[in-house]
N, C-alpha and C. Protein backbone atom coordinates (compact mmCIF):
# COMPACT_ATOMS: atom_id res chain seq x y z
N UNK A 1 1.03 -12.39 -10.23
CA UNK A 1 0.16 -11.33 -10.61
C UNK A 1 -0.58 -10.65 -9.14
N UNK A 2 -0.75 -9.44 -9.08
CA UNK A 2 -1.22 -8.83 -7.87
C UNK A 2 -2.92 -8.45 -8.26
N UNK A 3 -3.42 -8.88 -7.41
CA UNK A 3 -5.02 -8.68 -7.46
C UNK A 3 -5.35 -7.38 -6.54
N UNK A 4 -6.16 -6.91 -6.81
CA UNK A 4 -6.84 -5.55 -5.97
C UNK A 4 -7.72 -6.14 -4.83
N UNK A 5 -7.57 -5.69 -3.67
CA UNK A 5 -8.71 -5.98 -2.63
C UNK A 5 -9.76 -4.93 -2.71
N UNK A 6 -10.97 -5.49 -2.85
CA UNK A 6 -12.10 -4.50 -3.08
C UNK A 6 -13.14 -5.06 -2.01
N UNK A 7 -13.26 -5.86 -1.54
CA UNK A 7 -14.62 -6.29 -0.45
C UNK A 7 -14.10 -5.91 0.68
N UNK A 8 -15.46 -5.62 1.53
CA UNK A 8 -15.03 -4.92 3.07
C UNK A 8 -14.65 -6.41 3.92
N UNK A 9 -15.04 -7.71 3.59
CA UNK A 9 -14.50 -8.81 4.21
C UNK A 9 -13.17 -9.15 4.12
N UNK A 10 -12.58 -8.51 3.09
CA UNK A 10 -11.08 -8.81 3.10
C UNK A 10 -10.29 -7.60 3.74
N UNK A 11 -10.88 -6.56 3.86
CA UNK A 11 -10.28 -5.59 4.54
C UNK A 11 -10.26 -5.73 6.13
N UNK A 12 -11.62 -6.52 6.48
CA UNK A 12 -11.59 -6.81 8.11
C UNK A 12 -10.38 -7.73 8.34
N UNK A 13 -10.00 -8.50 7.50
CA UNK A 13 -8.79 -9.43 7.73
C UNK A 13 -7.74 -8.73 8.47
N UNK A 14 -7.41 -7.68 8.30
CA UNK A 14 -6.09 -6.83 8.56
C UNK A 14 -6.23 -6.20 10.08
N UNK A 15 -7.61 -6.77 10.79
CA UNK A 15 -7.61 -6.33 12.23
C UNK A 15 -6.34 -6.63 12.70
N UNK A 16 -5.82 -7.71 12.62
CA UNK A 16 -4.62 -8.42 13.41
C UNK A 16 -3.53 -8.98 12.29
N UNK A 17 -2.72 -7.90 11.81
CA UNK A 17 -1.96 -8.16 10.73
C UNK A 17 -0.87 -9.28 11.33
N UNK A 18 -0.07 -9.88 10.40
CA UNK A 18 1.02 -10.42 10.71
C UNK A 18 2.31 -9.67 10.68
N UNK A 19 2.25 -8.51 9.99
CA UNK A 19 3.42 -7.60 10.28
C UNK A 19 2.93 -6.10 9.87
N UNK A 20 3.66 -5.21 10.09
CA UNK A 20 3.29 -3.62 9.70
C UNK A 20 4.46 -2.98 9.31
N UNK A 21 4.36 -2.23 8.33
CA UNK A 21 5.32 -1.47 7.72
C UNK A 21 4.97 0.15 7.85
N UNK A 22 5.97 0.98 8.00
CA UNK A 22 5.56 2.35 8.20
C UNK A 22 6.52 3.37 7.60
N UNK A 23 6.03 4.42 6.91
CA UNK A 23 7.01 5.56 6.16
C UNK A 23 6.27 6.57 6.75
N UNK A 24 6.81 7.85 6.69
CA UNK A 24 6.37 8.99 7.01
C UNK A 24 4.73 9.24 6.67
N UNK A 25 4.48 8.94 5.35
CA UNK A 25 3.23 9.08 4.86
C UNK A 25 2.33 7.90 4.70
N UNK A 26 2.82 6.75 5.09
CA UNK A 26 1.99 5.55 4.85
C UNK A 26 2.15 4.58 5.88
N UNK A 27 1.22 3.73 6.20
CA UNK A 27 1.09 2.57 7.20
C UNK A 27 0.50 1.52 6.46
N UNK A 28 1.10 0.35 6.47
CA UNK A 28 0.95 -0.85 5.75
C UNK A 28 0.99 -1.99 6.50
N UNK A 29 -0.41 -2.32 6.94
CA UNK A 29 -0.56 -3.76 7.44
C UNK A 29 -0.37 -4.94 6.53
N UNK A 30 0.17 -5.87 6.93
CA UNK A 30 0.14 -7.04 5.90
C UNK A 30 -0.13 -8.38 6.74
N UNK A 31 -0.45 -9.29 5.59
CA UNK A 31 -0.63 -10.88 5.91
C UNK A 31 0.33 -11.73 5.05
N UNK A 32 0.77 -12.68 5.67
CA UNK A 32 1.45 -13.62 4.90
C UNK A 32 0.72 -14.48 4.25
N UNK A 33 0.52 -14.69 2.98
CA UNK A 33 -0.31 -15.50 2.15
C UNK A 33 0.64 -16.18 0.88
N UNK A 34 0.83 -17.52 0.96
CA UNK A 34 1.58 -18.32 0.24
C UNK A 34 0.95 -18.24 -1.23
N UNK A 35 -0.34 -18.36 -1.26
CA UNK A 35 -1.12 -18.58 -2.39
C UNK A 35 -1.46 -17.30 -3.24
N UNK A 36 -1.41 -16.32 -2.81
CA UNK A 36 -1.70 -14.87 -3.69
C UNK A 36 -0.97 -13.96 -3.21
N UNK A 37 -1.09 -12.85 -3.97
CA UNK A 37 -0.51 -11.39 -3.77
C UNK A 37 -1.71 -10.49 -3.96
N UNK A 38 -2.03 -9.63 -3.01
CA UNK A 38 -3.16 -8.72 -3.28
C UNK A 38 -2.83 -7.36 -2.41
N UNK A 39 -3.36 -6.47 -2.98
CA UNK A 39 -3.09 -4.98 -2.36
C UNK A 39 -4.41 -4.20 -2.49
N UNK A 40 -4.64 -3.36 -1.24
CA UNK A 40 -5.79 -2.73 -1.14
C UNK A 40 -5.25 -1.44 -0.80
N UNK A 41 -5.97 0.02 -0.89
CA UNK A 41 -5.63 0.96 -0.74
C UNK A 41 -6.73 1.73 -0.04
N UNK A 42 -6.48 2.35 1.42
CA UNK A 42 -7.50 3.14 2.19
C UNK A 42 -6.80 4.65 2.24
N UNK A 43 -7.94 5.74 2.17
CA UNK A 43 -7.17 6.83 2.22
C UNK A 43 -8.39 7.66 3.09
N UNK A 44 -8.18 7.99 4.22
CA UNK A 44 -9.20 8.60 4.99
C UNK A 44 -9.50 10.19 4.43
N UNK A 45 -10.48 10.78 5.14
CA UNK A 45 -10.85 12.18 4.85
C UNK A 45 -9.80 12.97 5.26
N UNK A 46 -9.16 12.72 6.19
CA UNK A 46 -8.03 13.74 6.85
C UNK A 46 -6.92 13.89 5.95
N UNK A 47 -6.85 13.23 4.81
CA UNK A 47 -5.77 13.48 3.91
C UNK A 47 -6.10 14.55 3.08
N UNK A 48 -7.39 14.78 2.79
CA UNK A 48 -8.00 15.87 1.94
C UNK A 48 -9.12 15.66 1.35
N UNK A 49 -9.63 16.29 0.64
CA UNK A 49 -11.12 16.60 -0.11
C UNK A 49 -10.91 15.16 -1.01
N UNK A 50 -12.18 14.75 -1.57
CA UNK A 50 -12.28 13.86 -2.62
C UNK A 50 -11.56 13.88 -3.81
N UNK A 51 -11.25 15.13 -4.36
CA UNK A 51 -10.34 15.06 -5.47
C UNK A 51 -8.98 14.65 -5.11
N UNK A 52 -8.41 15.45 -4.04
CA UNK A 52 -7.21 14.89 -3.50
C UNK A 52 -6.87 13.44 -3.36
N UNK A 53 -7.96 12.81 -2.56
CA UNK A 53 -7.92 11.47 -2.32
C UNK A 53 -7.87 10.40 -3.70
N UNK A 54 -8.51 10.68 -4.42
CA UNK A 54 -8.87 10.09 -5.78
C UNK A 54 -7.66 10.24 -6.53
N UNK A 55 -7.15 11.36 -6.37
CA UNK A 55 -5.86 11.33 -7.40
C UNK A 55 -4.62 10.53 -6.80
N UNK A 56 -4.60 10.76 -5.37
CA UNK A 56 -3.47 9.79 -4.77
C UNK A 56 -3.85 8.22 -4.97
N UNK A 57 -5.17 8.08 -5.07
CA UNK A 57 -5.32 6.52 -5.28
C UNK A 57 -4.92 6.07 -6.78
N UNK A 58 -5.28 7.06 -7.47
CA UNK A 58 -4.90 6.76 -9.08
C UNK A 58 -3.28 6.61 -9.00
N UNK A 59 -2.74 7.59 -8.46
CA UNK A 59 -1.29 7.42 -8.47
C UNK A 59 -0.51 6.21 -7.70
N UNK A 60 -1.06 5.90 -6.70
CA UNK A 60 -0.67 4.56 -6.07
C UNK A 60 -0.69 3.39 -6.89
N UNK A 61 -2.02 3.48 -7.75
CA UNK A 61 -2.38 2.27 -8.61
C UNK A 61 -1.28 2.58 -9.85
N UNK A 62 -1.03 3.38 -10.15
CA UNK A 62 -0.29 3.45 -11.47
C UNK A 62 1.25 3.31 -11.02
N UNK A 63 1.74 3.69 -10.10
CA UNK A 63 3.06 3.25 -9.28
C UNK A 63 3.09 1.83 -9.31
N UNK A 64 2.26 1.12 -8.70
CA UNK A 64 2.02 -0.26 -8.50
C UNK A 64 2.26 -0.93 -10.09
N UNK A 65 1.31 -0.55 -10.86
CA UNK A 65 1.47 -1.13 -12.24
C UNK A 65 2.57 -1.04 -12.90
N UNK A 66 3.43 0.13 -12.82
CA UNK A 66 4.62 0.27 -13.35
C UNK A 66 5.65 -0.47 -12.76
N UNK A 67 5.56 -0.71 -11.56
CA UNK A 67 6.60 -1.32 -10.70
C UNK A 67 6.13 -2.98 -10.21
N UNK A 68 5.21 -3.61 -10.72
CA UNK A 68 4.78 -4.68 -10.53
C UNK A 68 5.79 -5.67 -10.01
N UNK A 69 6.98 -5.64 -10.97
CA UNK A 69 8.09 -6.74 -10.89
C UNK A 69 8.70 -6.67 -9.41
N UNK A 70 8.82 -5.47 -8.77
CA UNK A 70 9.28 -5.25 -7.68
C UNK A 70 8.40 -5.76 -6.47
N UNK A 71 7.30 -6.01 -6.74
CA UNK A 71 6.46 -6.40 -5.40
C UNK A 71 6.68 -8.18 -5.14
N UNK A 72 7.15 -8.50 -4.09
CA UNK A 72 7.51 -9.89 -3.83
C UNK A 72 5.85 -10.49 -3.84
N UNK A 73 6.01 -11.78 -3.99
CA UNK A 73 4.90 -12.58 -3.87
C UNK A 73 4.48 -13.32 -2.74
N UNK A 74 3.17 -13.44 -2.32
CA UNK A 74 2.94 -14.26 -0.96
C UNK A 74 2.46 -13.33 0.01
N UNK A 75 2.04 -12.16 -0.35
CA UNK A 75 1.49 -11.16 0.73
C UNK A 75 0.18 -10.71 0.33
N UNK A 76 -0.66 -10.19 1.31
CA UNK A 76 -1.73 -9.23 1.16
C UNK A 76 -1.48 -7.97 2.20
N UNK A 77 -1.45 -6.90 1.40
CA UNK A 77 -1.15 -5.50 2.08
C UNK A 77 -2.35 -4.47 1.72
N UNK A 78 -2.49 -3.56 2.62
CA UNK A 78 -3.37 -2.72 2.39
C UNK A 78 -2.61 -1.26 2.62
N UNK A 79 -2.44 -0.18 1.72
CA UNK A 79 -1.55 0.71 1.89
C UNK A 79 -2.85 2.01 2.35
N UNK A 80 -2.38 2.39 3.77
CA UNK A 80 -3.20 3.25 4.30
C UNK A 80 -2.41 4.65 4.10
N UNK A 81 -2.98 5.69 3.69
CA UNK A 81 -2.39 6.94 3.65
C UNK A 81 -2.46 7.77 4.83
N UNK A 82 -1.31 8.33 5.45
CA UNK A 82 -1.42 9.16 6.64
C UNK A 82 -1.79 10.70 6.17
N UNK A 83 -1.97 11.39 7.17
CA UNK A 83 -2.09 12.81 6.96
C UNK A 83 -0.97 13.72 6.11
N UNK A 84 -1.19 14.29 5.18
CA UNK A 84 0.08 14.90 4.39
C UNK A 84 0.40 14.12 3.26
N UNK A 85 -0.28 12.93 2.86
CA UNK A 85 0.14 12.15 1.90
C UNK A 85 -0.42 12.70 0.59
N UNK A 86 -1.54 13.60 0.67
CA UNK A 86 -2.12 14.13 -0.56
C UNK A 86 -1.37 15.32 -1.14
N UNK A 87 -0.36 15.70 -0.46
CA UNK A 87 0.42 16.84 -0.76
C UNK A 87 1.67 16.03 -1.75
N UNK A 88 1.83 14.92 -1.70
CA UNK A 88 3.23 14.55 -2.28
C UNK A 88 3.08 14.64 -3.63
N UNK A 89 4.10 14.77 -4.23
CA UNK A 89 4.54 15.08 -5.78
C UNK A 89 4.65 13.47 -6.22
N UNK A 90 4.73 13.38 -7.60
CA UNK A 90 4.78 11.95 -8.01
C UNK A 90 6.42 11.36 -7.52
N UNK A 91 7.27 12.20 -7.74
CA UNK A 91 8.63 11.82 -7.03
C UNK A 91 8.68 11.50 -5.66
N UNK A 92 7.87 11.99 -4.85
CA UNK A 92 7.96 11.86 -3.48
C UNK A 92 6.95 10.64 -3.07
N UNK A 93 5.92 10.34 -3.91
CA UNK A 93 5.18 9.21 -3.83
C UNK A 93 5.99 7.99 -4.32
N UNK A 94 6.85 8.20 -5.49
CA UNK A 94 7.60 7.01 -5.72
C UNK A 94 8.68 6.67 -4.86
N UNK A 95 9.28 7.64 -4.11
CA UNK A 95 10.07 7.49 -3.04
C UNK A 95 9.73 6.76 -1.96
N UNK A 96 8.19 7.28 -1.37
CA UNK A 96 7.76 6.64 -0.23
C UNK A 96 7.44 5.07 -0.73
N UNK A 97 6.69 4.76 -1.82
CA UNK A 97 6.40 3.45 -2.17
C UNK A 97 7.55 2.58 -2.44
N UNK A 98 8.78 3.19 -3.00
CA UNK A 98 10.17 2.18 -3.07
C UNK A 98 10.61 1.95 -1.66
N UNK A 99 10.38 2.81 -0.70
CA UNK A 99 10.75 2.58 0.53
C UNK A 99 9.92 1.49 1.20
N UNK A 100 8.63 1.26 0.76
CA UNK A 100 7.82 0.48 1.32
C UNK A 100 7.94 -1.16 0.89
N UNK A 101 8.34 -0.92 -0.47
CA UNK A 101 8.89 -2.07 -1.14
C UNK A 101 10.23 -2.81 -0.40
N UNK A 102 11.01 -1.73 -0.27
CA UNK A 102 12.42 -2.16 0.12
C UNK A 102 12.30 -2.74 1.86
N UNK A 103 11.35 -2.16 2.60
CA UNK A 103 10.97 -2.77 3.65
C UNK A 103 10.49 -4.15 3.88
N UNK A 104 9.53 -4.38 2.57
CA UNK A 104 8.71 -5.75 2.58
C UNK A 104 9.68 -6.82 2.14
N UNK A 105 10.62 -6.28 1.15
CA UNK A 105 11.66 -7.17 0.48
C UNK A 105 12.74 -7.65 1.93
N UNK A 106 12.94 -6.56 2.58
CA UNK A 106 14.02 -6.87 3.86
C UNK A 106 13.14 -7.79 4.75
N UNK A 107 12.16 -7.65 4.99
CA UNK A 107 11.48 -8.27 5.94
C UNK A 107 11.16 -10.14 5.54
N UNK A 108 11.12 -10.07 4.04
CA UNK A 108 11.11 -11.31 3.49
C UNK A 108 12.53 -12.11 3.75
N UNK A 109 13.46 -11.42 3.54
CA UNK A 109 14.88 -12.17 3.64
C UNK A 109 15.23 -12.48 5.07
N UNK A 110 14.33 -11.69 6.18
CA UNK A 110 14.55 -12.45 7.41
C UNK A 110 13.93 -13.26 8.02
């Protein structure tokens, strides 16, 4: 079960991440946690206006809900959008998120 990160205190844990994943439009710091799986989303103003940022957040959450079985257990992640992520189509976002999950799975297997 994936839990959403909502508190500021949890986001500050990511100042010294255990690992980092990167794609063209996303940066994802992560922490190894055996007992839980949690995901947070941060999107800065550089990505776009409030409408664009909120749409991107909703799309990321929808993708995670649809593909919850692909996310490995035992990690805390924060998905941080880079400049240009707001212009991604649903298919482009799906490709980026699938790449992130593939990188996470690859990291888990090593």
